[in-house]
Amino acid sequence: MFCAVVAWLLFLLMPFCCREVSGKTKCAQAIGVLDCPSDPKKAADVEVYLMDDDGFLNPDDTMGWTTSNEKGEFTVQGCGYDLWSLPEPYLKILHFCGSSSEKVLKTPAKYIFRPHTIDYGIISLEGN
């Protein structure tokens, strides 16, 4: 009986021990241009994080991060791992556009992975 219980527990824990068996690692790259119409300088040197949305109970993972250049342009890339599903990449942008205090802009998740690129186009920071 004891051996059967141990064998059953090992069977249940196997997916958590062996990532290669069921986990999915995917890499993503995102590009875009940040825009702050009220103060264009506030679109430069902005922190842009490529995140993996892990749901309510699990904190989101940082896949990669960068800062925008003087024109507000950015390219960020990284990889994410999820045990039961594909990573859900989204951008988290920390900025001061239209405010003296830091604001966070979160984009919707997009399921586009390398070799393709997620092109966000122009992202307006004003009011976000």
Foldseek 3Di string as FASTA:
>chain_A
DVVVVVVVVCVVCVLVVDQVVAKDKFKAKEKEFEAQPVDLQQLFQKKKFWWFDPDDPDDIHTFWIDTAHRRNIDMIMGMDMDSHDHTFIWMWIWTQRPHPDIDIDIDGTDPDTPPDHHYPYYDYPPPD
